[in-house]
Amino acid sequence: MLVIYLVRLLAMGHTEVVRSDYLATQTAGIIIADGQGSRLYVDQVQGPVYARLAGGDHTGDLLFNHAPLTAVMNAPISGLDPVSGHLLWSLFQFLLVVIACAVVAMVAPWPKRTPRLLPVAATLVALAGAGTLPMLTEGQELGTITLGLALAYAAWRSDRLGMGSAALVAGAAIAKPHLALGLVAFMAGWRDRRIIAGALVGALVAGSLSVMAVGWTACVAFIETAIRSNSLSPHAQLLGFNGLFAAWFNDGVAATVLGDICSVAALGLAVALGTAVRRDRSRLGPALIGATLLSLLASPHTFSHDLTLLAPMLVLAVAEAARGSQSAAWPARPTRRVLAVWLLIIAASGIDSSVALPAALGRLSPLALMVGATMAAKATWPSRPSRADFGPTVQTQPRATYAQ
């Protein structure tokens, strides 16, 4: 699958690239490189640059609406032609996702009997997930938030709570902050001063760098643009709760109200997952997986490429399932369940992206994400603690004792 993905990326020509999301990112990179960062979100500034890059192949209405630091990251390669820039940018984002999966594979709680190739196999399966191909072809910037999530888990595993929350918030602030709403709720539910302090530091660093790069005016314009752009795409194309109810009830008041209610409920559940980790640190793995799934469901706009955020969580889920299995044979029942849900998410996303389903079915991806979130919640709060769950229950100890 990964070979197919990369061949598909390499085969993209100018006509396809200028119709991808990357062209808006390169437009923003050129504006930053030209020293016009303060006017980054001015349509009259973006328009001529966008039209020049498109070269008449595409009129385009996808002006840049992402975080300022995404444009700063693209500025060094913005002088390349769109095809070369798109290829380099996509490979860079893919590399960040690979690093994220590798980080989780190295620190995840694999049992001693685990075959050495299992972490590698889990990483490859994760990279061949539903979000990778659209991330590559659209030139989306999922790498930083995915890496931030992986670094957060690694830091939290070693009791560096502040460092973990700082990495997560900074990674989300560089790109895709809307995808981290559930993860922020998860950290709030943890209610640890180090978590809160680290999150504030991460936000302060990312915010300061943004202001230095584009100024206060452009930072405010980014918020306005992000809110405005939320209505550009039909909500029925989204994969979160908003997309589910818009597919059933069209883009009306009923769909908006129901989507918002379910999103708030998802954030509340993410808070509860954080509280569970505060009480019992051994539940970090399944709780974080659940919070990530809930974050995608509660996001104002989640597309198929955003499912890349789940890649390191699949590696973690395989490790937790292997640790909680009573059987020495692999794959045991918990692992088969994890892989079945992963395949369900891949299949649902593929169907949603390529098949016009009847309105009664709505969107399948939100339903698949809900199945995964339910499994993670059940693993976080097992009805009967046993070795068949995601690991043994260990009561959280005071900070000094836990560190020792």
Protein backbone atom coordinates (compact mmCIF):
# COMPACT_ATOMS: atom_id res chain seq x y z
CA MET A 1 0.00 0.00 0.00
CA LEU A 2 2.79 2.43 0.84
CA VAL A 3 4.47 1.75 -2.51
CA ILE A 4 1.16 2.47 -4.25
CA TYR A 5 0.79 5.71 -2.27
CA LEU A 6 4.27 6.92 -3.21
CA VAL A 7 3.86 5.96 -6.87
CA ARG A 8 0.60 7.90 -6.90
CA LEU A 9 2.39 10.92 -5.45
CA LEU A 10 5.25 10.76 -7.94
CA ALA A 11 2.82 10.50 -10.85
CA MET A 12 1.11 13.81 -10.08
CA GLY A 13 1.59 16.47 -12.74
CA HIS A 14 0.98 20.21 -12.87
CA THR A 15 -2.73 19.91 -13.59
CA GLU A 16 -3.32 17.76 -10.50
CA VAL A 17 -0.99 19.71 -8.20
CA VAL A 18 -2.62 23.08 -8.90
CA ARG A 19 -5.97 21.58 -7.94
CA SER A 20 -4.64 20.29 -4.62
CA ASP A 21 -4.61 22.05 -1.27
CA TYR A 22 -0.85 22.53 -1.58
CA LEU A 23 -1.11 25.45 -4.00
CA ALA A 24 -2.58 27.67 -1.28
CA THR A 25 0.26 26.67 1.05
CA GLN A 26 2.89 27.53 -1.55
CA THR A 27 1.14 30.83 -2.17
CA ALA A 28 1.45 31.64 1.52
CA GLY A 29 5.10 30.52 1.54
CA ILE A 30 5.89 32.93 -1.30
CA ILE A 31 4.19 35.80 0.54
CA ILE A 32 6.29 35.05 3.64
CA ALA A 33 9.48 34.79 1.56
CA ASP A 34 8.68 38.16 -0.05
CA GLY A 35 8.45 39.80 3.37
CA GLN A 36 4.70 40.45 3.23
CA GLY A 37 3.77 38.32 6.22
CA SER A 38 1.58 41.02 7.72
CA ARG A 39 -0.70 40.75 4.65
CA LEU A 40 -0.71 36.96 4.56
CA TYR A 41 -4.49 36.58 4.79
CA VAL A 42 -5.42 39.41 2.42
CA ASP A 43 -7.23 37.88 -0.54
CA GLN A 44 -6.00 40.61 -2.90
CA VAL A 45 -2.41 39.66 -2.04
CA GLN A 46 -2.91 35.91 -2.32
CA GLY A 47 -4.95 36.03 -5.54
CA PRO A 48 -2.26 37.12 -8.03
CA VAL A 49 0.34 34.75 -6.55
CA TYR A 50 -2.12 31.85 -6.67
CA ALA A 51 -3.07 32.64 -10.27
CA ARG A 52 0.58 32.80 -11.35
CA LEU A 53 1.33 29.40 -9.80
CA ALA A 54 -1.78 27.85 -11.37
CA GLY A 55 -0.65 29.07 -14.80
CA GLY A 56 -4.19 29.13 -16.17
CA ASP A 57 -4.87 25.48 -15.32
CA HIS A 58 -7.12 26.32 -12.40
CA THR A 59 -9.02 29.43 -11.36
CA GLY A 60 -8.98 28.33 -7.74
CA ASP A 61 -10.84 29.42 -4.65
CA LEU A 62 -8.75 27.61 -2.01
CA LEU A 63 -6.90 30.58 -0.60
CA PHE A 64 -4.64 30.00 2.40
CA ASN A 65 -6.55 29.55 5.68
CA HIS A 66 -4.07 27.59 7.78
CA ALA A 67 -1.89 28.68 10.71
CA PRO A 68 0.85 31.26 10.00
CA LEU A 69 3.70 28.91 10.94
CA THR A 70 2.62 26.53 8.18
CA ALA A 71 3.44 29.27 5.68
CA VAL A 72 6.75 29.89 7.44
CA MET A 73 7.64 26.20 7.10
CA ASN A 74 6.90 26.30 3.39
CA ALA A 75 8.79 29.54 2.67
CA PRO A 76 12.22 27.88 2.11
CA ILE A 77 10.86 25.76 -0.77
CA SER A 78 8.26 28.20 -2.09
CA GLY A 79 10.53 29.23 -4.96
CA LEU A 80 10.29 25.80 -6.57
CA ASP A 81 7.78 25.01 -9.30
CA PRO A 82 4.48 23.71 -7.88
CA VAL A 83 5.11 20.07 -8.84
CA SER A 84 8.58 19.93 -7.23
CA GLY A 85 7.43 21.92 -4.21
CA HIS A 86 4.41 19.67 -3.72
CA LEU A 87 6.54 16.53 -3.91
CA LEU A 88 9.13 17.80 -1.45
CA TRP A 89 6.51 19.16 0.96
CA SER A 90 4.48 15.94 0.95
CA LEU A 91 7.55 13.77 1.50
CA PHE A 92 8.61 16.02 4.39
CA GLN A 93 5.20 15.70 6.05
CA PHE A 94 5.28 11.94 5.49
CA LEU A 95 8.72 11.77 7.11
CA LEU A 96 7.37 13.54 10.20
CA VAL A 97 4.57 10.98 10.43
CA VAL A 98 7.11 8.14 10.09
CA ILE A 99 9.14 9.65 12.93
CA ALA A 100 5.99 9.98 15.04
CA CYS A 101 5.13 6.30 14.58
CA ALA A 102 8.73 5.30 15.29
CA VAL A 103 8.78 7.33 18.52
CA VAL A 104 5.64 5.59 19.78
CA ALA A 105 6.94 2.19 18.69
CA MET A 106 10.12 2.73 20.73
CA VAL A 107 8.42 3.76 23.98
CA ALA A 108 5.17 1.77 23.84
CA PRO A 109 4.67 -0.95 26.49
CA TRP A 110 5.48 -4.01 24.37
CA PRO A 111 5.58 -7.25 26.37
CA LYS A 112 8.90 -9.04 26.67
CA ARG A 113 7.75 -11.91 24.48
CA THR A 114 6.94 -9.57 21.57
CA PRO A 115 8.65 -10.53 18.29
CA ARG A 116 11.19 -7.88 17.30
CA LEU A 117 9.50 -7.27 13.97
CA LEU A 118 6.10 -6.52 15.52
CA PRO A 119 6.78 -2.79 16.21
CA VAL A 120 8.03 -2.44 12.63
CA ALA A 121 4.97 -4.24 11.26
CA ALA A 122 2.63 -2.09 13.38
CA THR A 123 4.35 1.06 12.09
CA LEU A 124 3.94 -0.02 8.47
CA VAL A 125 0.27 -0.86 8.99
CA ALA A 126 -0.22 2.54 10.63
CA LEU A 127 1.47 4.39 7.76
CA ALA A 128 -0.79 2.64 5.26
CA GLY A 129 -3.84 4.08 7.00
CA ALA A 130 -6.79 6.01 5.62
CA GLY A 131 -5.25 9.47 5.88
CA THR A 132 -1.84 8.92 4.30
CA LEU A 133 -2.74 8.95 0.61
CA PRO A 134 -4.97 12.07 0.73
CA MET A 135 -2.33 13.79 2.87
CA LEU A 136 0.29 13.10 0.22
CA THR A 137 -1.78 14.00 -2.82
CA GLU A 138 -3.34 17.12 -1.29
CA GLY A 139 -0.06 18.33 0.23
CA GLN A 140 -1.61 18.66 3.67
CA GLU A 141 0.51 19.52 6.73
CA LEU A 142 -0.38 16.73 9.18
CA GLY A 143 3.22 15.99 10.15
CA THR A 144 3.74 18.50 12.94
CA ILE A 145 0.59 17.77 14.95
CA THR A 146 1.11 14.01 14.51
CA LEU A 147 4.70 14.28 15.71
CA GLY A 148 3.61 16.50 18.60
CA LEU A 149 1.09 13.86 19.69
CA ALA A 150 3.75 11.14 19.57
CA LEU A 151 6.28 13.22 21.50
CA ALA A 152 3.61 14.01 24.09
CA TYR A 153 2.94 10.33 24.69
CA ALA A 154 6.68 9.56 24.95
CA ALA A 155 7.17 12.37 27.46
CA TRP A 156 4.14 11.38 29.52
CA ARG A 157 5.34 7.78 29.64
CA SER A 158 8.54 8.99 31.33
CA ASP A 159 6.63 11.31 33.72
CA ARG A 160 7.68 14.50 31.89
CA LEU A 161 4.15 15.85 31.92
CA GLY A 162 4.93 19.49 31.16
CA MET A 163 7.22 18.64 28.27
CA GLY A 164 4.57 16.38 26.76
CA SER A 165 1.78 18.93 26.85
CA ALA A 166 4.11 21.61 25.46
CA ALA A 167 5.02 19.39 22.50
CA LEU A 168 1.39 18.57 21.78
CA VAL A 169 0.14 22.16 21.93
CA ALA A 170 3.08 23.51 19.92
CA GLY A 171 2.68 20.85 17.24
CA ALA A 172 -1.03 21.61 16.92
CA ALA A 173 -0.44 25.38 16.85
CA ILE A 174 1.97 25.05 13.94
CA ALA A 175 -0.68 23.26 11.88
CA LYS A 176 -4.22 21.99 12.39
CA PRO A 177 -5.05 23.45 15.83
CA HIS A 178 -8.74 22.56 15.35
CA LEU A 179 -7.86 18.86 15.44
CA ALA A 180 -6.54 19.14 19.00
CA LEU A 181 -9.73 20.26 20.77
CA GLY A 182 -10.37 16.82 22.26
CA LEU A 183 -6.73 16.41 23.22
CA VAL A 184 -6.80 19.75 25.03
CA ALA A 185 -9.93 18.58 26.86
CA PHE A 186 -8.08 15.37 27.74
CA MET A 187 -5.23 17.39 29.28
CA ALA A 188 -7.72 19.55 31.16
CA GLY A 189 -9.28 16.44 32.65
CA TRP A 190 -5.85 15.29 33.84
CA ARG A 191 -5.76 18.37 36.10
CA ASP A 192 -2.04 18.38 36.73
CA ARG A 193 -0.18 21.68 37.19
CA ARG A 194 2.68 20.45 35.06
CA ILE A 195 0.31 19.60 32.21
CA ILE A 196 -1.29 23.05 32.35
CA ALA A 197 2.05 24.86 32.61
CA GLY A 198 3.50 22.92 29.70
CA ALA A 199 0.45 23.62 27.53
CA LEU A 200 0.74 27.33 28.28
CA VAL A 201 4.43 27.31 27.42
CA GLY A 202 3.75 25.50 24.12
CA ALA A 203 1.02 27.96 23.21
CA LEU A 204 3.18 30.92 24.20
CA VAL A 205 6.14 29.76 22.12
CA ALA A 206 4.02 29.04 19.04
CA GLY A 207 2.11 32.29 19.46
CA SER A 208 5.29 34.33 19.87
CA LEU A 209 6.84 32.80 16.77
CA SER A 210 3.65 33.50 14.81
CA VAL A 211 3.62 37.15 15.89
CA MET A 212 7.31 37.49 15.02
CA ALA A 213 6.68 36.00 11.58
CA VAL A 214 3.52 37.81 10.49
CA GLY A 215 2.57 40.32 13.21
CA TRP A 216 -0.52 40.71 15.38
CA THR A 217 -2.77 41.83 12.53
CA ALA A 218 -2.18 38.69 10.51
CA CYS A 219 -2.62 36.46 13.57
CA VAL A 220 -6.04 37.98 14.18
CA ALA A 221 -6.81 37.66 10.46
CA PHE A 222 -5.97 33.94 10.67
CA ILE A 223 -8.68 33.42 13.30
CA GLU A 224 -11.19 35.33 11.20
CA THR A 225 -10.21 33.40 8.06
CA ALA A 226 -10.43 30.05 9.85
CA ILE A 227 -13.96 30.83 11.04
CA ARG A 228 -14.99 32.04 7.59
CA SER A 229 -13.49 29.04 5.79
CA ASN A 230 -15.52 26.65 7.92
CA SER A 231 -18.49 27.37 5.66
CA LEU A 232 -16.68 27.02 2.31
CA SER A 233 -17.00 23.22 2.03
CA PRO A 234 -20.37 21.46 2.39
CA HIS A 235 -20.54 19.98 5.87
CA ALA A 236 -21.74 16.69 4.41
CA GLN A 237 -18.16 16.15 3.18
CA LEU A 238 -16.77 16.22 6.72
CA LEU A 239 -15.95 13.11 8.74
CA GLY A 240 -16.79 14.33 12.24
CA PHE A 241 -20.14 14.80 13.94
CA ASN A 242 -20.84 17.84 11.78
CA GLY A 243 -20.48 15.74 8.64
CA LEU A 244 -22.61 12.91 10.02
CA PHE A 245 -25.62 15.07 10.82
CA ALA A 246 -25.23 17.24 7.71
CA ALA A 247 -25.42 14.08 5.60
CA TRP A 248 -28.68 13.18 7.35
CA PHE A 249 -30.33 16.60 7.67
CA ASN A 250 -28.45 18.75 5.12
CA ASP A 251 -26.63 21.95 6.11
CA GLY A 252 -29.36 23.35 8.29
CA VAL A 253 -30.04 24.36 11.86
CA ALA A 254 -30.90 20.82 12.97
CA ALA A 255 -27.61 19.42 11.68
CA THR A 256 -25.63 22.23 13.28
CA VAL A 257 -27.32 21.91 16.67
CA LEU A 258 -27.03 18.12 16.79
CA GLY A 259 -23.42 18.23 15.62
CA ASP A 260 -22.53 20.80 18.27
CA ILE A 261 -24.27 18.82 21.02
CA CYS A 262 -22.41 15.63 20.12
CA SER A 263 -19.12 17.51 19.81
CA VAL A 264 -19.53 18.97 23.29
CA ALA A 265 -20.39 15.49 24.60
CA ALA A 266 -17.23 14.12 22.94
CA LEU A 267 -15.14 16.82 24.62
CA GLY A 268 -16.75 15.94 27.94
CA LEU A 269 -15.83 12.29 27.46
CA ALA A 270 -12.26 13.34 26.62
CA VAL A 271 -12.15 15.22 29.93
CA ALA A 272 -13.32 12.06 31.70
CA LEU A 273 -10.56 10.05 30.01
CA GLY A 274 -8.01 12.55 31.30
CA THR A 275 -9.45 12.19 34.79
CA ALA A 276 -9.08 8.40 34.52
CA VAL A 277 -5.39 8.80 33.73
CA ARG A 278 -4.95 11.11 36.70
CA ARG A 279 -6.29 8.35 38.95
CA ASP A 280 -4.48 5.47 37.25
CA ARG A 281 -1.46 6.25 35.05
CA SER A 282 -1.44 2.73 33.57
CA ARG A 283 -4.53 3.73 31.56
CA LEU A 284 -2.63 6.40 29.59
CA GLY A 285 -2.45 4.36 26.38
CA PRO A 286 -6.14 3.55 25.76
CA ALA A 287 -7.23 6.91 27.20
CA LEU A 288 -5.00 8.86 24.80
CA ILE A 289 -6.20 6.75 21.86
CA GLY A 290 -9.80 7.48 22.83
CA ALA A 291 -9.12 11.19 23.23
CA THR A 292 -7.53 11.34 19.77
CA LEU A 293 -10.55 9.65 18.17
CA LEU A 294 -12.92 11.97 20.05
CA SER A 295 -10.84 14.95 18.96
CA LEU A 296 -11.38 14.04 15.31
CA LEU A 297 -15.10 13.56 15.90
CA ALA A 298 -15.47 16.90 17.71
CA SER A 299 -13.34 18.93 15.29
CA PRO A 300 -15.26 21.67 13.40
CA HIS A 301 -13.98 20.20 10.14
CA THR A 302 -12.33 16.81 9.78
CA PHE A 303 -11.40 15.52 6.32
CA SER A 304 -10.00 12.18 5.21
CA HIS A 305 -6.40 13.43 5.29
CA ASP A 306 -6.81 14.37 8.95
CA LEU A 307 -7.09 10.67 9.83
CA THR A 308 -3.28 10.62 9.55
CA LEU A 309 -3.32 11.76 13.18
CA LEU A 310 -4.36 8.22 14.12
CA ALA A 311 -1.20 6.59 12.72
CA PRO A 312 0.90 6.68 15.93
CA MET A 313 -2.19 5.75 17.93
CA LEU A 314 -2.52 2.52 15.92
CA VAL A 315 1.04 1.60 16.88
CA LEU A 316 0.18 2.30 20.51
CA ALA A 317 -3.04 0.30 20.27
CA VAL A 318 -1.21 -2.75 18.91
CA ALA A 319 1.33 -2.52 21.74
CA GLU A 320 -1.36 -2.18 24.41
CA ALA A 321 -3.33 -5.07 22.94
CA ALA A 322 -0.22 -7.28 22.86
CA ARG A 323 0.56 -6.37 26.47
CA GLY A 324 -2.96 -7.20 27.62
CA SER A 325 -3.18 -10.54 25.85
CA GLN A 326 -3.13 -13.76 27.84
CA SER A 327 -2.09 -15.79 24.81
CA ALA A 328 1.53 -16.11 23.68
CA ALA A 329 0.33 -16.58 20.10
CA TRP A 330 0.06 -13.52 17.88
CA PRO A 331 -2.24 -11.99 16.91
CA ALA A 332 -4.41 -12.73 19.93
CA ARG A 333 -8.01 -11.59 20.30
CA PRO A 334 -7.32 -8.01 21.53
CA THR A 335 -4.94 -7.40 18.64
CA ARG A 336 -7.41 -8.77 16.11
CA ARG A 337 -10.00 -6.35 17.44
CA VAL A 338 -7.63 -3.40 17.05
CA LEU A 339 -6.75 -4.37 13.48
CA ALA A 340 -10.42 -4.94 12.64
CA VAL A 341 -11.33 -1.40 13.76
CA TRP A 342 -8.34 -0.02 11.82
CA LEU A 343 -9.55 -1.76 8.65
CA LEU A 344 -13.07 -0.52 9.38
CA ILE A 345 -11.85 3.09 9.50
CA ILE A 346 -9.89 2.63 6.26
CA ALA A 347 -12.87 1.06 4.48
CA ALA A 348 -15.33 3.67 5.77
CA SER A 349 -13.10 6.54 4.70
CA GLY A 350 -12.62 5.02 1.26
CA ILE A 351 -16.35 4.56 0.77
CA ASP A 352 -17.13 8.08 1.97
CA SER A 353 -14.56 9.52 -0.44
CA SER A 354 -15.62 7.60 -3.54
CA VAL A 355 -19.23 6.44 -3.23
CA ALA A 356 -22.39 8.54 -3.08
CA LEU A 357 -24.23 6.86 -0.24
CA PRO A 358 -27.98 7.18 0.38
CA ALA A 359 -28.85 9.94 2.82
CA ALA A 360 -30.13 7.36 5.30
CA LEU A 361 -26.61 5.95 5.69
CA GLY A 362 -25.02 9.36 6.14
CA ARG A 363 -21.24 9.19 6.55
CA LEU A 364 -19.59 5.93 7.57
CA SER A 365 -16.30 7.37 8.86
CA PRO A 366 -17.81 9.05 11.96
CA LEU A 367 -19.50 5.77 12.85
CA ALA A 368 -16.18 3.89 12.50
CA LEU A 369 -14.42 6.49 14.66
CA MET A 370 -17.16 6.11 17.26
CA VAL A 371 -16.59 2.35 17.34
CA GLY A 372 -12.88 2.93 17.98
CA ALA A 373 -13.58 5.54 20.67
CA THR A 374 -16.00 3.16 22.40
CA MET A 375 -13.40 0.38 22.45
CA ALA A 376 -10.78 2.76 23.87
CA ALA A 377 -13.19 3.97 26.56
CA LYS A 378 -14.02 0.38 27.55
CA ALA A 379 -10.31 -0.37 27.81
CA THR A 380 -9.85 2.72 29.98
CA TRP A 381 -12.71 1.76 32.30
CA PRO A 382 -12.79 -2.06 32.23
CA SER A 383 -15.84 -3.65 33.80
CA ARG A 384 -13.66 -6.37 35.35
CA PRO A 385 -9.93 -5.66 35.65
CA SER A 386 -8.03 -8.56 34.14
CA ARG A 387 -5.00 -9.36 32.06
CA ALA A 388 -7.23 -9.49 29.01
CA ASP A 389 -7.63 -5.72 29.22
CA PHE A 390 -5.06 -3.21 28.02
CA GLY A 391 -2.57 -3.93 30.79
CA PRO A 392 -2.72 -4.28 34.57
CA THR A 393 -4.23 -1.68 36.81
CA VAL A 394 -1.68 0.20 38.90
CA GLN A 395 -2.68 2.94 41.26
CA THR A 396 -1.03 6.28 40.62
CA GLN A 397 1.59 7.04 43.28
CA PRO A 398 2.80 10.41 44.53
CA ARG A 399 5.18 12.25 42.22
CA ALA A 400 8.45 11.43 44.01
CA THR A 401 7.62 7.75 44.42
CA TYR A 402 6.38 7.42 40.83
CA ALA A 403 9.53 9.05 39.45
CA GLN A 404 11.73 6.78 41.55
